């Protein structure tokens, strides 16, 4: 017989989805490893959308 289900170990951040839907996890991902925090951006980029701030020193 299986042990009783421990409700204190349920992840409160787990999304509530309709029946048949699954959140994307490392097990369902198209590639090995973590999913990108940058979304669907593919690297390397042809152009980097970054402008370095200029520091003006007061003397």
Protein backbone atom coordinates (compact mmCIF):
# COMPACT_ATOMS: atom_id res chain seq x y z
CA UNK A 1 0.00 0.00 0.00
CA UNK A 2 1.28 3.49 -0.85
CA UNK A 3 2.00 6.07 1.83
CA UNK A 4 -0.57 8.77 2.56
CA UNK A 5 -0.33 11.84 0.33
CA UNK A 6 1.49 14.73 2.05
CA UNK A 7 -0.23 17.99 1.02
CA UNK A 8 2.48 20.16 2.62
CA UNK A 9 4.85 19.17 -0.21
CA UNK A 10 2.68 20.62 -3.01
CA UNK A 11 4.34 23.53 -4.82
CA UNK A 12 2.08 26.60 -4.32
CA UNK A 13 3.57 28.25 -7.45
CA UNK A 14 2.48 25.39 -9.74
CA UNK A 15 0.05 26.86 -12.30
CA UNK A 16 -3.60 25.85 -12.41
CA UNK A 17 -4.34 24.71 -15.98
CA UNK A 18 -7.42 23.23 -17.70
CA UNK A 19 -7.67 19.44 -17.94
CA UNK A 20 -5.33 18.03 -20.57
CA UNK A 21 -2.95 21.03 -20.48
CA UNK A 22 0.57 20.78 -19.05
CA UNK A 23 3.00 23.52 -18.00
CA UNK A 24 6.31 23.43 -19.85
CA UNK A 25 9.00 21.75 -17.75
CA UNK A 26 12.48 20.44 -18.43
CA UNK A 27 10.88 17.08 -19.18
CA UNK A 28 8.63 18.50 -21.92
CA UNK A 29 11.14 20.92 -23.43
CA UNK A 30 12.40 20.57 -27.00
CA UNK A 31 16.07 20.63 -25.90
CA UNK A 32 18.10 19.40 -22.93
CA UNK A 33 18.73 21.73 -20.03
CA UNK A 34 16.98 24.79 -18.70
CA UNK A 35 14.56 26.83 -20.75
CA UNK A 36 15.82 30.25 -21.82
CA UNK A 37 14.84 33.19 -19.62
CA UNK A 38 14.94 35.31 -22.81
CA UNK A 39 11.89 33.66 -24.39
CA UNK A 40 12.04 32.74 -28.07
CA UNK A 41 15.17 34.81 -28.81
CA UNK A 42 17.80 32.80 -30.68
CA UNK A 43 21.44 33.49 -30.07
CA UNK A 44 23.78 34.79 -31.41
CA UNK A 45 21.89 37.97 -32.28
CA UNK A 46 22.69 39.89 -35.45
CA UNK A 47 22.35 43.15 -33.53
CA UNK A 48 22.47 43.75 -29.79
CA UNK A 49 19.73 46.14 -28.56
CA UNK A 50 21.93 47.62 -25.82
CA UNK A 51 23.35 51.08 -25.36
CA UNK A 52 26.08 51.38 -22.74
CA UNK A 53 25.54 54.29 -20.34
CA UNK A 54 28.15 57.03 -20.42
CA UNK A 55 29.63 58.14 -17.12
CA UNK A 56 30.55 61.83 -16.89
CA UNK A 57 33.10 62.47 -14.15
CA UNK A 58 32.69 65.72 -12.25
CA UNK A 59 36.02 67.39 -11.56
